[in-house]
Amino acid sequence: MTNLSGKHFIVTGGTQGLGETTAKLLATSGAAAITICGRNEDNGTRVAAELDGLGCEAIYVRADRSRVDDCEAVVARHDERFGRVDGLVNAAASTARGTITDTNAADWDAMMALNLRAPFLLIRDCVNCMIRDRIAGSIVNIGSVSGHGGQDFLTAYSTSKGALMTLTKNAAHSLAEHRIRVNCLNIGWMATPNEHVVQTVEHDRDDDWLDAADQAQPFGRILRPEDVAKLTAFLLGDDAELMTGSCIDYDQIVVGARD
């Protein structure tokens, strides 16, 4: 298990799904403090209490990531409470559907605000704290293999994730002199509560869609949040201290290869 003893983290989307799973793994890996954020106050207070129960001091900051002020308030509240930032996980994202022909300007702008501008703002503010305190921190952006091009019904989403890869590399290069690392995980198909809604409501699949999805995969299942949380924790820890600017495709379908 990765040792994150004494470190302080911010996890976006930490009120549910991948963010919640990641925050709990960080807590059990020795993290001293975690700030989570999201719009669902009931979930946020619940997860913060559970993190406290795991021996990790935690706070929940209610934030709508489409709002600049809310994004900036997350880091400000964390810094006010804990006084340092060792790592950031940008785990929250919108997966709203839309093709090249039916995505309107408002939908496009909303996607970019949530999936690209919010991570940028959080990175910027966390990095300023790290530089101030001379902390060799680590940032992990949760991207998607769709960032390489994506499906026809994910035009804005795929574009936002492609841009997130560029942001990752640019920030990693810019921050290397401060020993602040920035990496990205381009994850493939993953089973989350939100994905269940997407599959059953938007794609009209049966409730047992996951069984069929698992059986169709070369390794017998699609990703679970626990898989991604483990790799995220590794990238945050000292075992990955020489790894920066990497955009890792985490999927069993190899991008660019085909029969």
C-alpha atoms as a PDB file:
ATOM      1  CA  MET A   1       0.000   0.000   0.000  1.00  0.00           C
ATOM      2  CA  THR A   2       1.206   3.505  -0.850  1.00  0.00           C
ATOM      3  CA  ASN A   3       2.271   5.453   2.239  1.00  0.00           C
ATOM      4  CA  LEU A   4       0.788   8.960   2.307  1.00  0.00           C
ATOM      5  CA  SER A   5       1.448   9.565   5.981  1.00  0.00           C
ATOM      6  CA  GLY A   6       0.912  13.137   7.117  1.00  0.00           C
ATOM      7  CA  LYS A   7      -0.038  14.520   3.707  1.00  0.00           C
ATOM      8  CA  HIS A   8      -2.908  16.927   2.980  1.00  0.00           C
ATOM      9  CA  PHE A   9      -5.084  16.530  -0.113  1.00  0.00           C
ATOM     10  CA  ILE A  10      -7.950  18.089  -2.035  1.00  0.00           C
ATOM     11  CA  VAL A  11     -10.221  15.701  -3.948  1.00  0.00           C
ATOM     12  CA  THR A  12     -12.845  17.103  -6.283  1.00  0.00           C
ATOM     13  CA  GLY A  13     -15.944  15.011  -6.744  1.00  0.00           C
ATOM     14  CA  GLY A  14     -15.146  13.424  -3.397  1.00  0.00           C
ATOM     15  CA  THR A  15     -18.807  13.176  -2.428  1.00  0.00           C
ATOM     16  CA  GLN A  16     -19.528  10.111  -4.568  1.00  0.00           C
ATOM     17  CA  GLY A  17     -18.214   7.629  -7.115  1.00  0.00           C
ATOM     18  CA  LEU A  18     -14.521   7.692  -7.991  1.00  0.00           C
ATOM     19  CA  GLY A  19     -13.812  10.767  -5.876  1.00  0.00           C
ATOM     20  CA  GLU A  20     -15.297   9.212  -2.760  1.00  0.00           C
ATOM     21  CA  THR A  21     -13.457   5.934  -3.313  1.00  0.00           C
ATOM     22  CA  THR A  22     -10.184   7.790  -3.849  1.00  0.00           C
ATOM     23  CA  ALA A  23     -10.602   9.977  -0.777  1.00  0.00           C
ATOM     24  CA  LYS A  24     -11.222   6.928   1.417  1.00  0.00           C
ATOM     25  CA  LEU A  25      -8.178   5.121   0.043  1.00  0.00           C
ATOM     26  CA  LEU A  26      -6.027   8.188   0.729  1.00  0.00           C
ATOM     27  CA  ALA A  27      -7.361   8.251   4.287  1.00  0.00           C
ATOM     28  CA  THR A  28      -6.519   4.598   4.893  1.00  0.00           C
ATOM     29  CA  SER A  29      -3.085   5.185   3.337  1.00  0.00           C
ATOM     30  CA  GLY A  30      -2.146   7.670   6.048  1.00  0.00           C
ATOM     31  CA  ALA A  31      -3.384  11.045   4.776  1.00  0.00           C
ATOM     32  CA  ALA A  32      -3.670  13.534   7.622  1.00  0.00           C
ATOM     33  CA  ALA A  33      -6.274  15.821   6.062  1.00  0.00           C
ATOM     34  CA  ILE A  34      -8.591  15.811   3.052  1.00  0.00           C
ATOM     35  CA  THR A  35     -10.918  18.425   1.626  1.00  0.00           C
ATOM     36  CA  ILE A  36     -13.700  17.149  -0.604  1.00  0.00           C
ATOM     37  CA  CYS A  37     -16.091  19.249  -2.645  1.00  0.00           C
ATOM     38  CA  GLY A  38     -19.235  18.904  -4.688  1.00  0.00           C
ATOM     39  CA  ARG A  39     -22.821  20.104  -4.937  1.00  0.00           C
ATOM     40  CA  ASN A  40     -24.525  17.368  -2.900  1.00  0.00           C
ATOM     41  CA  GLU A  41     -24.335  18.564   0.699  1.00  0.00           C
ATOM     42  CA  ASP A  42     -25.834  15.390   2.190  1.00  0.00           C
ATOM     43  CA  ASN A  43     -23.244  13.216   0.469  1.00  0.00           C
ATOM     44  CA  GLY A  44     -20.466  15.659   1.285  1.00  0.00           C
ATOM     45  CA  THR A  45     -21.139  15.759   5.028  1.00  0.00           C
ATOM     46  CA  ARG A  46     -21.553  11.966   5.069  1.00  0.00           C
ATOM     47  CA  VAL A  47     -18.230  11.294   3.339  1.00  0.00           C
ATOM     48  CA  ALA A  48     -16.387  13.869   5.466  1.00  0.00           C
ATOM     49  CA  ALA A  49     -17.693  12.154   8.609  1.00  0.00           C
ATOM     50  CA  GLU A  50     -16.598   8.759   7.276  1.00  0.00           C
ATOM     51  CA  LEU A  51     -13.127  10.090   6.530  1.00  0.00           C
ATOM     52  CA  ASP A  52     -12.919  11.453  10.084  1.00  0.00           C
ATOM     53  CA  GLY A  53     -13.873   7.987  11.274  1.00  0.00           C
ATOM     54  CA  LEU A  54     -10.907   6.579   9.362  1.00  0.00           C
ATOM     55  CA  GLY A  55      -8.573   8.848  11.337  1.00  0.00           C
ATOM     56  CA  CYS A  56      -8.221  11.525   8.655  1.00  0.00           C
ATOM     57  CA  GLU A  57      -9.376  15.061   9.424  1.00  0.00           C
ATOM     58  CA  ALA A  58     -11.768  16.087   6.659  1.00  0.00           C
ATOM     59  CA  ILE A  59     -13.952  18.974   5.571  1.00  0.00           C
ATOM     60  CA  TYR A  60     -16.600  19.282   2.897  1.00  0.00           C
ATOM     61  CA  VAL A  61     -16.866  22.449   0.814  1.00  0.00           C
ATOM     62  CA  ARG A  62     -20.064  22.879  -1.146  1.00  0.00           C
ATOM     63  CA  ALA A  63     -19.013  23.927  -4.639  1.00  0.00           C
ATOM     64  CA  ASP A  64     -20.492  24.204  -8.097  1.00  0.00           C
ATOM     65  CA  ARG A  65     -17.408  23.766 -10.285  1.00  0.00           C
ATOM     66  CA  SER A  66     -19.033  25.711 -13.113  1.00  0.00           C
ATOM     67  CA  ARG A  67     -18.574  28.827 -10.949  1.00  0.00           C
ATOM     68  CA  VAL A  68     -15.136  30.425 -10.745  1.00  0.00           C
ATOM     69  CA  ASP A  69     -15.739  31.735  -7.219  1.00  0.00           C
ATOM     70  CA  ASP A  70     -16.713  28.276  -5.977  1.00  0.00           C
ATOM     71  CA  CYS A  71     -13.573  26.683  -7.429  1.00  0.00           C
ATOM     72  CA  GLU A  72     -11.376  29.303  -5.828  1.00  0.00           C
ATOM     73  CA  ALA A  73     -13.186  28.909  -2.497  1.00  0.00           C
ATOM     74  CA  VAL A  74     -12.295  25.204  -2.300  1.00  0.00           C
ATOM     75  CA  VAL A  75      -8.547  25.804  -2.098  1.00  0.00           C
ATOM     76  CA  ALA A  76      -8.988  28.896   0.080  1.00  0.00           C
ATOM     77  CA  ARG A  77     -11.070  26.962   2.621  1.00  0.00           C
ATOM     78  CA  HIS A  78      -8.597  24.074   2.630  1.00  0.00           C
ATOM     79  CA  ASP A  79      -5.643  26.406   3.104  1.00  0.00           C
ATOM     80  CA  GLU A  80      -7.400  28.297   5.877  1.00  0.00           C
ATOM     81  CA  ARG A  81      -8.205  25.089   7.748  1.00  0.00           C
ATOM     82  CA  PHE A  82      -5.096  22.978   7.156  1.00  0.00           C
ATOM     83  CA  GLY A  83      -2.374  25.424   6.074  1.00  0.00           C
ATOM     84  CA  ARG A  84      -0.745  23.279   3.389  1.00  0.00           C
ATOM     85  CA  VAL A  85      -1.494  21.317   0.213  1.00  0.00           C
ATOM     86  CA  ASP A  86       0.469  18.214  -0.728  1.00  0.00           C
ATOM     87  CA  GLY A  87      -1.748  16.941  -3.500  1.00  0.00           C
ATOM     88  CA  LEU A  88      -4.796  17.515  -5.665  1.00  0.00           C
ATOM     89  CA  VAL A  89      -7.021  14.980  -7.409  1.00  0.00           C
ATOM     90  CA  ASN A  90      -9.232  16.396 -10.142  1.00  0.00           C
ATOM     91  CA  ALA A  91     -11.710  13.514 -10.184  1.00  0.00           C
ATOM     92  CA  ALA A  92     -14.992  15.299 -10.952  1.00  0.00           C
ATOM     93  CA  ALA A  93     -16.296  15.686 -14.500  1.00  0.00           C
ATOM     94  CA  SER A  94     -19.406  15.949 -16.596  1.00  0.00           C
ATOM     95  CA  THR A  95     -20.057  13.157 -19.100  1.00  0.00           C
ATOM     96  CA  ALA A  96     -23.029  14.835 -20.785  1.00  0.00           C
ATOM     97  CA  ARG A  97     -23.775  13.473 -24.247  1.00  0.00           C
ATOM     98  CA  GLY A  98     -23.778  15.482 -27.452  1.00  0.00           C
ATOM     99  CA  THR A  99     -22.717  15.011 -31.085  1.00  0.00           C
ATOM    100  CA  ILE A 100     -21.032  17.460 -33.451  1.00  0.00           C
ATOM    101  CA  THR A 101     -24.453  18.281 -34.941  1.00  0.00           C
ATOM    102  CA  ASP A 102     -26.577  18.703 -31.818  1.00  0.00           C
ATOM    103  CA  THR A 103     -24.201  20.258 -29.258  1.00  0.00           C
ATOM    104  CA  ASN A 104     -25.137  23.897 -28.811  1.00  0.00           C
ATOM    105  CA  ALA A 105     -22.878  26.704 -27.622  1.00  0.00           C
ATOM    106  CA  ALA A 106     -24.282  26.681 -24.086  1.00  0.00           C
ATOM    107  CA  ASP A 107     -23.683  22.927 -23.713  1.00  0.00           C
ATOM    108  CA  TRP A 108     -20.147  23.326 -25.068  1.00  0.00           C
ATOM    109  CA  ASP A 109     -19.344  26.164 -22.669  1.00  0.00           C
ATOM    110  CA  ALA A 110     -20.782  24.237 -19.717  1.00  0.00           C
ATOM    111  CA  MET A 111     -18.628  21.205 -20.529  1.00  0.00           C
ATOM    112  CA  MET A 112     -15.459  23.271 -20.809  1.00  0.00           C
ATOM    113  CA  ALA A 113     -16.210  25.093 -17.562  1.00  0.00           C
ATOM    114  CA  LEU A 114     -16.634  21.851 -15.639  1.00  0.00           C
ATOM    115  CA  ASN A 115     -14.058  19.598 -17.248  1.00  0.00           C
ATOM    116  CA  LEU A 116     -11.297  22.044 -18.155  1.00  0.00           C
ATOM    117  CA  ARG A 117     -11.591  25.447 -16.489  1.00  0.00           C
ATOM    118  CA  ALA A 118     -12.345  24.007 -13.033  1.00  0.00           C
ATOM    119  CA  PRO A 119      -9.269  21.716 -13.031  1.00  0.00           C
ATOM    120  CA  PHE A 120      -7.145  24.632 -14.262  1.00  0.00           C
ATOM    121  CA  LEU A 121      -8.339  26.918 -11.457  1.00  0.00           C
ATOM    122  CA  LEU A 122      -7.801  24.261  -8.804  1.00  0.00           C
ATOM    123  CA  ILE A 123      -4.339  23.408 -10.121  1.00  0.00           C
ATOM    124  CA  ARG A 124      -3.376  27.082 -10.224  1.00  0.00           C
ATOM    125  CA  ASP A 125      -4.455  27.780  -6.657  1.00  0.00           C
ATOM    126  CA  CYS A 126      -3.016  24.564  -5.221  1.00  0.00           C
ATOM    127  CA  VAL A 127       0.296  25.166  -6.977  1.00  0.00           C
ATOM    128  CA  ASN A 128       0.518  28.666  -5.548  1.00  0.00           C
ATOM    129  CA  CYS A 129       0.173  27.168  -2.064  1.00  0.00           C
ATOM    130  CA  MET A 130       2.805  24.519  -2.809  1.00  0.00           C
ATOM    131  CA  ILE A 131       5.299  27.050  -4.161  1.00  0.00           C
ATOM    132  CA  ARG A 132       4.689  29.335  -1.184  1.00  0.00           C
ATOM    133  CA  ASP A 133       5.510  26.527   1.237  1.00  0.00           C
ATOM    134  CA  ARG A 134       8.189  24.881  -0.927  1.00  0.00           C
ATOM    135  CA  ILE A 135       6.257  21.630  -1.065  1.00  0.00           C
ATOM    136  CA  ALA A 136       7.114  19.066  -3.733  1.00  0.00           C
ATOM    137  CA  GLY A 137       3.469  18.295  -4.404  1.00  0.00           C
ATOM    138  CA  SER A 138       1.620  16.051  -6.812  1.00  0.00           C
ATOM    139  CA  ILE A 139      -1.452  16.616  -8.969  1.00  0.00           C
ATOM    140  CA  VAL A 140      -3.472  13.876 -10.638  1.00  0.00           C
ATOM    141  CA  ASN A 141      -5.989  14.745 -13.324  1.00  0.00           C
ATOM    142  CA  ILE A 142      -8.581  12.100 -14.143  1.00  0.00           C
ATOM    143  CA  GLY A 143      -8.897  12.113 -17.893  1.00  0.00           C
ATOM    144  CA  SER A 144     -10.393   9.670 -20.365  1.00  0.00           C
ATOM    145  CA  VAL A 145      -9.285   7.552 -23.297  1.00  0.00           C
ATOM    146  CA  SER A 146     -11.971   9.526 -25.155  1.00  0.00           C
ATOM    147  CA  GLY A 147      -9.500  12.403 -25.070  1.00  0.00           C
ATOM    148  CA  HIS A 148      -7.742  10.696 -27.991  1.00  0.00           C
ATOM    149  CA  GLY A 149     -10.805  11.254 -30.175  1.00  0.00           C
ATOM    150  CA  GLY A 150     -13.796   9.675 -28.517  1.00  0.00           C
ATOM    151  CA  GLN A 151     -17.203   8.480 -29.605  1.00  0.00           C
ATOM    152  CA  ASP A 152     -19.468  10.444 -31.910  1.00  0.00           C
ATOM    153  CA  PHE A 153     -21.894  11.171 -29.058  1.00  0.00           C
ATOM    154  CA  LEU A 154     -19.159  12.649 -26.830  1.00  0.00           C
ATOM    155  CA  THR A 155     -17.909  15.560 -28.911  1.00  0.00           C
ATOM    156  CA  ALA A 156     -17.579  18.226 -26.210  1.00  0.00           C
ATOM    157  CA  TYR A 157     -16.567  15.710 -23.523  1.00  0.00           C
ATOM    158  CA  SER A 158     -13.817  14.188 -25.668  1.00  0.00           C
ATOM    159  CA  THR A 159     -12.508  17.632 -26.574  1.00  0.00           C
ATOM    160  CA  SER A 160     -12.380  18.676 -22.924  1.00  0.00           C
ATOM    161  CA  LYS A 161     -10.417  15.564 -22.004  1.00  0.00           C
ATOM    162  CA  GLY A 162      -7.984  16.054 -24.884  1.00  0.00           C
ATOM    163  CA  ALA A 163      -7.361  19.576 -23.636  1.00  0.00           C
ATOM    164  CA  LEU A 164      -6.868  18.244 -20.107  1.00  0.00           C
ATOM    165  CA  MET A 165      -3.980  16.132 -21.401  1.00  0.00           C
ATOM    166  CA  THR A 166      -2.375  19.244 -22.882  1.00  0.00           C
ATOM    167  CA  LEU A 167      -2.915  21.141 -19.626  1.00  0.00           C
ATOM    168  CA  THR A 168      -1.289  18.257 -17.752  1.00  0.00           C
ATOM    169  CA  LYS A 169       1.843  18.313 -19.901  1.00  0.00           C
ATOM    170  CA  ASN A 170       2.120  22.099 -19.950  1.00  0.00           C
ATOM    171  CA  ALA A 171       1.731  22.358 -16.175  1.00  0.00           C
ATOM    172  CA  ALA A 172       4.185  19.503 -15.578  1.00  0.00           C
ATOM    173  CA  HIS A 173       6.819  21.212 -17.692  1.00  0.00           C
ATOM    174  CA  SER A 174       6.182  24.596 -16.088  1.00  0.00           C
ATOM    175  CA  LEU A 175       6.325  23.278 -12.532  1.00  0.00           C
ATOM    176  CA  ALA A 176       9.249  20.864 -12.743  1.00  0.00           C
ATOM    177  CA  GLU A 177      11.630  23.456 -11.334  1.00  0.00           C
ATOM    178  CA  HIS A 178       9.488  23.489  -8.184  1.00  0.00           C
ATOM    179  CA  ARG A 179       9.455  19.658  -8.042  1.00  0.00           C
ATOM    180  CA  ILE A 180       5.677  19.695  -8.401  1.00  0.00           C
ATOM    181  CA  ARG A 181       4.477  16.740 -10.441  1.00  0.00           C
ATOM    182  CA  VAL A 182       1.401  16.684 -12.695  1.00  0.00           C
ATOM    183  CA  ASN A 183       0.089  13.483 -14.269  1.00  0.00           C
ATOM    184  CA  CYS A 184      -3.111  12.349 -15.956  1.00  0.00           C
ATOM    185  CA  LEU A 185      -4.983   9.037 -15.934  1.00  0.00           C
ATOM    186  CA  ASN A 186      -6.954   8.450 -19.122  1.00  0.00           C
ATOM    187  CA  ILE A 187      -9.424   5.921 -17.846  1.00  0.00           C
ATOM    188  CA  GLY A 188     -11.576   3.620 -19.923  1.00  0.00           C
ATOM    189  CA  TRP A 189     -15.055   2.303 -19.248  1.00  0.00           C
ATOM    190  CA  MET A 190     -15.683   2.264 -15.492  1.00  0.00           C
ATOM    191  CA  ALA A 191     -18.591   1.057 -13.366  1.00  0.00           C
ATOM    192  CA  THR A 192     -19.869   3.882 -11.160  1.00  0.00           C
ATOM    193  CA  PRO A 193     -23.329   4.850  -9.858  1.00  0.00           C
ATOM    194  CA  ASN A 194     -23.477   7.592 -12.488  1.00  0.00           C
ATOM    195  CA  GLU A 195     -22.498   5.162 -15.236  1.00  0.00           C
ATOM    196  CA  HIS A 196     -25.418   2.945 -14.199  1.00  0.00           C
ATOM    197  CA  VAL A 197     -27.755   5.904 -14.730  1.00  0.00           C
ATOM    198  CA  VAL A 198     -26.162   6.707 -18.085  1.00  0.00           C
ATOM    199  CA  GLN A 199     -26.462   3.137 -19.331  1.00  0.00           C
ATOM    200  CA  THR A 200     -30.012   2.511 -18.157  1.00  0.00           C
ATOM    201  CA  VAL A 201     -31.517   5.932 -18.861  1.00  0.00           C
ATOM    202  CA  GLU A 202     -29.568   7.477 -21.736  1.00  0.00           C
ATOM    203  CA  HIS A 203     -28.663   4.249 -23.544  1.00  0.00           C
ATOM    204  CA  ASP A 204     -31.830   2.322 -22.568  1.00  0.00           C
ATOM    205  CA  ARG A 205     -29.951  -0.761 -21.388  1.00  0.00           C
ATOM    206  CA  ASP A 206     -31.242  -3.266 -18.829  1.00  0.00           C
ATOM    207  CA  ASP A 207     -30.300  -3.044 -15.157  1.00  0.00           C
ATOM    208  CA  ASP A 208     -27.892  -5.973 -15.617  1.00  0.00           C
ATOM    209  CA  TRP A 209     -25.848  -4.119 -18.278  1.00  0.00           C
ATOM    210  CA  LEU A 210     -22.710  -4.456 -16.155  1.00  0.00           C
ATOM    211  CA  ASP A 211     -22.730  -8.258 -16.347  1.00  0.00           C
ATOM    212  CA  ALA A 212     -22.737  -8.129 -20.137  1.00  0.00           C
ATOM    213  CA  ALA A 213     -20.128  -5.371 -20.188  1.00  0.00           C
ATOM    214  CA  ASP A 214     -17.801  -7.362 -17.927  1.00  0.00           C
ATOM    215  CA  GLN A 215     -18.160 -10.552 -19.942  1.00  0.00           C
ATOM    216  CA  ALA A 216     -17.298  -8.764 -23.175  1.00  0.00           C
ATOM    217  CA  GLN A 217     -13.916  -7.522 -21.908  1.00  0.00           C
ATOM    218  CA  PRO A 218     -10.613  -9.324 -22.597  1.00  0.00           C
ATOM    219  CA  PHE A 219      -9.735  -9.326 -18.874  1.00  0.00           C
ATOM    220  CA  GLY A 220     -13.232 -10.243 -17.721  1.00  0.00           C
ATOM    221  CA  ARG A 221     -14.474  -6.912 -16.382  1.00  0.00           C
ATOM    222  CA  ILE A 222     -14.484  -3.160 -16.910  1.00  0.00           C
ATOM    223  CA  LEU A 223     -12.732  -0.810 -14.513  1.00  0.00           C
ATOM    224  CA  ARG A 224     -13.941  -0.207 -10.978  1.00  0.00           C
ATOM    225  CA  PRO A 225     -13.309   2.973  -8.950  1.00  0.00           C
ATOM    226  CA  GLU A 226     -10.975   0.995  -6.675  1.00  0.00           C
ATOM    227  CA  ASP A 227      -8.666   0.281  -9.618  1.00  0.00           C
ATOM    228  CA  VAL A 228      -8.283   3.952 -10.482  1.00  0.00           C
ATOM    229  CA  ALA A 229      -8.011   5.014  -6.831  1.00  0.00           C
ATOM    230  CA  LYS A 230      -5.013   2.716  -6.302  1.00  0.00           C
ATOM    231  CA  LEU A 231      -3.111   4.132  -9.266  1.00  0.00           C
ATOM    232  CA  THR A 232      -4.036   7.673  -8.217  1.00  0.00           C
ATOM    233  CA  ALA A 233      -2.632   7.050  -4.745  1.00  0.00           C
ATOM    234  CA  PHE A 234       0.596   5.747  -6.277  1.00  0.00           C
ATOM    235  CA  LEU A 235       0.990   8.885  -8.397  1.00  0.00           C
ATOM    236  CA  LEU A 236       0.431  11.059  -5.337  1.00  0.00           C
ATOM    237  CA  GLY A 237       3.046   9.236  -3.298  1.00  0.00           C
ATOM    238  CA  ASP A 238       6.810   9.347  -3.127  1.00  0.00           C
ATOM    239  CA  ASP A 239       7.207   6.084  -5.076  1.00  0.00           C
ATOM    240  CA  ALA A 240       6.319   8.098  -8.197  1.00  0.00           C
ATOM    241  CA  GLU A 241       8.602  11.021  -7.348  1.00  0.00           C
ATOM    242  CA  LEU A 242      10.298  11.067 -10.785  1.00  0.00           C
ATOM    243  CA  MET A 243       7.090  10.721 -12.804  1.00  0.00           C
ATOM    244  CA  THR A 244       5.579  13.882 -14.258  1.00  0.00           C
ATOM    245  CA  GLY A 245       3.851  14.919 -17.472  1.00  0.00           C
ATOM    246  CA  SER A 246       2.614  11.372 -18.044  1.00  0.00           C
ATOM    247  CA  CYS A 247      -0.805  10.718 -19.575  1.00  0.00           C
ATOM    248  CA  ILE A 248      -1.480   7.074 -18.790  1.00  0.00           C
ATOM    249  CA  ASP A 249      -4.092   5.161 -20.783  1.00  0.00           C
ATOM    250  CA  TYR A 250      -5.732   2.933 -18.180  1.00  0.00           C
ATOM    251  CA  ASP A 251      -7.797   0.542 -20.251  1.00  0.00           C
ATOM    252  CA  GLN A 252      -7.568  -2.936 -21.740  1.00  0.00           C
ATOM    253  CA  ILE A 253      -8.300  -1.619 -25.222  1.00  0.00           C
ATOM    254  CA  VAL A 254      -5.001  -0.359 -26.635  1.00  0.00           C
ATOM    255  CA  VAL A 255      -5.379   3.060 -28.251  1.00  0.00           C
ATOM    256  CA  GLY A 256      -4.186   3.003 -31.869  1.00  0.00           C
ATOM    257  CA  ALA A 257      -4.105  -0.802 -32.204  1.00  0.00           C
ATOM    258  CA  ARG A 258      -6.732  -2.781 -34.059  1.00  0.00           C
ATOM    259  CA  ASP A 259      -7.269  -6.172 -35.687  1.00  0.00           C
END
